[in-house]
Amino acid sequence: MENSEVVNAIKVLKEMIQDRGYIIDENNESKDNKETNENETTFCIKGRRNNDIILCFLEEDDKLNIQGIKDKISVMNKEGSKKCIIVYRSSVTSSAKKSLETLEYEFELFGIHELQLNITKHRLVPNHARVTPSEKNELDLKYKGKLPFILSQDAVSRYYGFTKGEYVRITRKNGSIIYRLVK
């Protein structure tokens, strides 16, 4: 893996955390957090938003497997976090994907190739933001559940961490505002 790929992924990952409203804990960021395996080094970024903590890991191995997930969970337990982003290098084993479905933690997986550039900074991508609860109530009254939708798997939805059922305000370059339901 080229060093520039790792540097780009870390830069975009930090921007993603900040765009989600977290403050990066610079003291916790380290390239040598040694966990269960003495030979393995893990890069970890810790973000805080009120009492909410998110941990972001850059997986060292080519494939993310169940042991890698267990290692991340032990760090999450130590830090008191229930949310985690893992950036994997090439692939995720099917057994690791399946194990993520049964856990009480929130895991998000990104390939390192997905974080080579910040898609929200592209000139064709308008500004996306979560709506406030009061705006959501107004939209429910006005549109009665008939809003167009944006998929939760959409690249921008994944970047901001939008979840199913949330409403998103999209402000286009010309100033027009549209709303979408995350599906």
Protein backbone atom coordinates (compact mmCIF):
# COMPACT_ATOMS: atom_id res chain seq x y z
CA MET A 1 0.00 0.00 0.00
CA GLU A 2 1.35 3.36 -0.96
CA ASN A 3 1.99 5.83 1.83
CA SER A 4 0.08 8.55 -0.07
CA GLU A 5 -3.07 6.38 0.03
CA VAL A 6 -2.82 6.12 3.80
CA VAL A 7 -2.15 9.86 4.22
CA ASN A 8 -5.15 10.74 1.99
CA ALA A 9 -7.43 8.30 3.84
CA ILE A 10 -6.43 9.71 7.23
CA LYS A 11 -7.00 13.29 6.04
CA VAL A 12 -10.47 12.49 4.66
CA LEU A 13 -11.32 10.43 7.75
CA LYS A 14 -10.52 13.40 10.01
CA GLU A 15 -12.65 15.69 7.82
CA MET A 16 -15.50 13.16 7.96
CA ILE A 17 -15.39 13.01 11.75
CA GLN A 18 -15.42 16.81 12.01
CA ASP A 19 -18.23 17.14 9.44
CA ARG A 20 -20.30 14.78 11.60
CA GLY A 21 -19.91 17.22 14.50
CA TYR A 22 -17.20 15.42 16.48
CA ILE A 23 -14.11 17.08 17.91
CA ILE A 24 -10.96 15.06 17.32
CA ASP A 25 -9.04 14.20 20.46
CA GLU A 26 -5.49 14.92 19.24
CA ASN A 27 -3.94 13.46 22.41
CA ASN A 28 -5.48 10.06 21.74
CA GLU A 29 -4.47 9.89 18.09
CA SER A 30 -1.54 7.56 17.72
CA LYS A 31 0.09 5.24 15.26
CA ASP A 32 1.35 2.85 17.87
CA ASN A 33 -1.58 1.91 20.09
CA LYS A 34 -0.46 -1.63 20.86
CA GLU A 35 -3.36 -3.90 21.61
CA THR A 36 -3.69 -7.66 21.94
CA ASN A 37 -0.95 -8.52 19.44
CA GLU A 38 2.46 -7.01 20.23
CA ASN A 39 3.53 -7.07 16.57
CA GLU A 40 0.41 -5.27 15.33
CA THR A 41 0.19 -1.50 15.33
CA THR A 42 -3.15 0.20 14.88
CA PHE A 43 -3.84 3.76 13.86
CA CYS A 44 -6.77 5.15 15.84
CA ILE A 45 -8.58 8.50 15.78
CA LYS A 46 -10.93 9.34 18.64
CA GLY A 47 -13.76 11.85 18.21
CA ARG A 48 -16.03 13.30 20.89
CA ARG A 49 -19.45 14.94 20.62
CA ASN A 50 -20.97 15.59 24.05
CA ASN A 51 -20.96 12.12 25.68
CA ASP A 52 -20.76 10.35 22.33
CA ILE A 53 -17.37 8.84 21.38
CA ILE A 54 -16.46 7.48 17.96
CA LEU A 55 -13.28 5.56 17.25
CA CYS A 56 -11.77 5.28 13.77
CA PHE A 57 -9.27 2.57 12.93
CA LEU A 58 -7.03 2.04 9.94
CA GLU A 59 -6.75 -1.73 9.56
CA GLU A 60 -3.17 -2.93 9.18
CA ASP A 61 -3.94 -6.30 7.58
CA ASP A 62 -5.07 -6.64 3.98
CA LYS A 63 -8.27 -8.42 5.02
CA LEU A 64 -10.47 -7.43 7.93
CA ASN A 65 -11.41 -10.63 9.77
CA ILE A 66 -13.22 -11.60 12.97
CA GLN A 67 -10.05 -11.27 15.06
CA GLY A 68 -9.65 -7.69 13.79
CA ILE A 69 -13.23 -6.94 14.86
CA LYS A 70 -12.60 -8.43 18.32
CA ASP A 71 -9.47 -6.29 18.70
CA LYS A 72 -11.46 -3.15 17.85
CA ILE A 73 -14.22 -4.10 20.30
CA SER A 74 -11.71 -4.44 23.15
CA VAL A 75 -10.40 -0.92 22.42
CA MET A 76 -13.99 0.38 22.18
CA ASN A 77 -14.81 -1.13 25.59
CA LYS A 78 -11.74 0.52 27.13
CA GLU A 79 -12.70 3.91 25.65
CA GLY A 80 -16.43 3.62 26.40
CA SER A 81 -17.46 3.87 22.76
CA LYS A 82 -20.32 2.19 20.91
CA LYS A 83 -19.48 3.65 17.46
CA CYS A 84 -16.61 2.69 15.24
CA ILE A 85 -15.35 3.32 11.72
CA ILE A 86 -12.92 0.83 10.27
CA VAL A 87 -10.96 1.61 7.12
CA TYR A 88 -9.88 -1.68 5.55
CA ARG A 89 -7.21 -2.10 2.90
CA SER A 90 -8.53 -4.65 0.43
CA SER A 91 -11.52 -6.66 1.67
CA VAL A 92 -13.64 -7.87 4.58
CA THR A 93 -14.20 -11.56 5.15
CA SER A 94 -17.79 -12.74 4.90
CA SER A 95 -17.68 -14.11 8.46
CA ALA A 96 -16.57 -10.68 9.75
CA LYS A 97 -19.45 -8.98 7.90
CA LYS A 98 -21.90 -11.46 9.34
CA SER A 99 -20.56 -11.02 12.88
CA LEU A 100 -21.06 -7.24 12.66
CA GLU A 101 -24.81 -7.73 12.20
CA THR A 102 -25.16 -9.42 15.59
CA LEU A 103 -23.21 -6.93 17.70
CA GLU A 104 -24.67 -4.11 19.79
CA TYR A 105 -22.01 -1.74 18.48
CA GLU A 106 -22.35 0.54 15.43
CA PHE A 107 -19.67 -0.34 12.89
CA GLU A 108 -19.11 1.47 9.61
CA LEU A 109 -16.74 0.01 7.06
CA PHE A 110 -14.92 2.00 4.40
CA GLY A 111 -12.38 0.73 1.89
CA ILE A 112 -9.22 2.81 1.78
CA HIS A 113 -9.98 3.47 -1.91
CA GLU A 114 -13.27 5.16 -0.87
CA LEU A 115 -11.41 7.74 1.22
CA GLN A 116 -8.88 8.99 -1.31
CA LEU A 117 -10.78 12.23 -1.75
CA ASN A 118 -13.50 14.05 0.15
CA ILE A 119 -16.56 13.74 -2.09
CA THR A 120 -18.37 16.57 -0.29
CA LYS A 121 -15.79 19.02 -1.61
CA HIS A 122 -16.50 18.19 -5.26
CA ARG A 123 -18.02 21.09 -7.16
CA LEU A 124 -21.07 19.04 -8.22
CA VAL A 125 -21.99 17.85 -4.71
CA PRO A 126 -24.37 20.27 -2.94
CA ASN A 127 -24.34 20.88 0.81
CA HIS A 128 -26.12 18.16 2.83
CA ALA A 129 -27.24 18.55 6.46
CA ARG A 130 -29.50 16.77 8.95
CA VAL A 131 -32.72 18.61 9.67
CA THR A 132 -33.62 19.63 13.21
CA PRO A 133 -36.44 17.80 15.01
CA SER A 134 -38.73 20.85 14.63
CA GLU A 135 -38.03 20.99 10.88
CA LYS A 136 -38.76 17.27 10.68
CA ASN A 137 -42.15 17.80 12.34
CA GLU A 138 -42.97 20.59 9.87
CA LEU A 139 -41.95 18.41 6.92
CA ASP A 140 -44.08 15.54 8.25
CA LEU A 141 -47.11 17.84 8.38
CA LYS A 142 -46.46 19.39 4.98
CA TYR A 143 -45.52 16.31 2.94
CA LYS A 144 -47.18 13.55 4.97
CA GLY A 145 -44.36 11.08 4.31
CA LYS A 146 -44.16 11.72 0.58
CA LEU A 147 -40.63 13.12 0.44
CA PRO A 148 -38.26 11.81 -2.20
CA PHE A 149 -35.57 9.65 -0.71
CA ILE A 150 -31.82 9.26 -0.63
CA LEU A 151 -30.36 5.82 0.03
CA SER A 152 -28.41 5.18 3.22
CA GLN A 153 -25.80 3.50 1.00
CA ASP A 154 -25.34 6.69 -1.04
CA ALA A 155 -21.75 7.95 -0.83
CA VAL A 156 -22.77 11.27 0.75
CA SER A 157 -25.12 9.51 3.22
CA ARG A 158 -22.29 7.20 4.26
CA TYR A 159 -19.86 10.12 4.59
CA TYR A 160 -22.16 12.01 6.98
CA GLY A 161 -23.43 8.88 8.71
CA PHE A 162 -27.08 9.48 7.84
CA THR A 163 -29.31 6.65 9.03
CA LYS A 164 -32.64 5.34 7.79
CA GLY A 165 -35.57 7.54 8.77
CA GLU A 166 -33.59 10.78 9.05
CA TYR A 167 -34.42 13.83 6.95
CA VAL A 168 -31.71 15.64 5.00
CA ARG A 169 -31.68 19.24 3.80
CA ILE A 170 -29.81 19.70 0.51
CA THR A 171 -28.82 23.25 -0.39
CA ARG A 172 -27.88 23.55 -4.04
CA LYS A 173 -25.38 26.03 -5.50
CA ASN A 174 -28.20 28.26 -6.80
CA GLY A 175 -29.62 28.56 -3.26
CA SER A 176 -32.61 26.25 -3.71
CA ILE A 177 -33.32 23.88 -0.85
CA ILE A 178 -34.71 20.37 -1.21
CA TYR A 179 -35.37 17.68 1.38
CA ARG A 180 -34.82 13.95 1.27
CA LEU A 181 -35.78 11.03 3.49
CA VAL A 182 -32.96 8.56 4.12
CA LYS A 183 -34.09 5.09 3.12
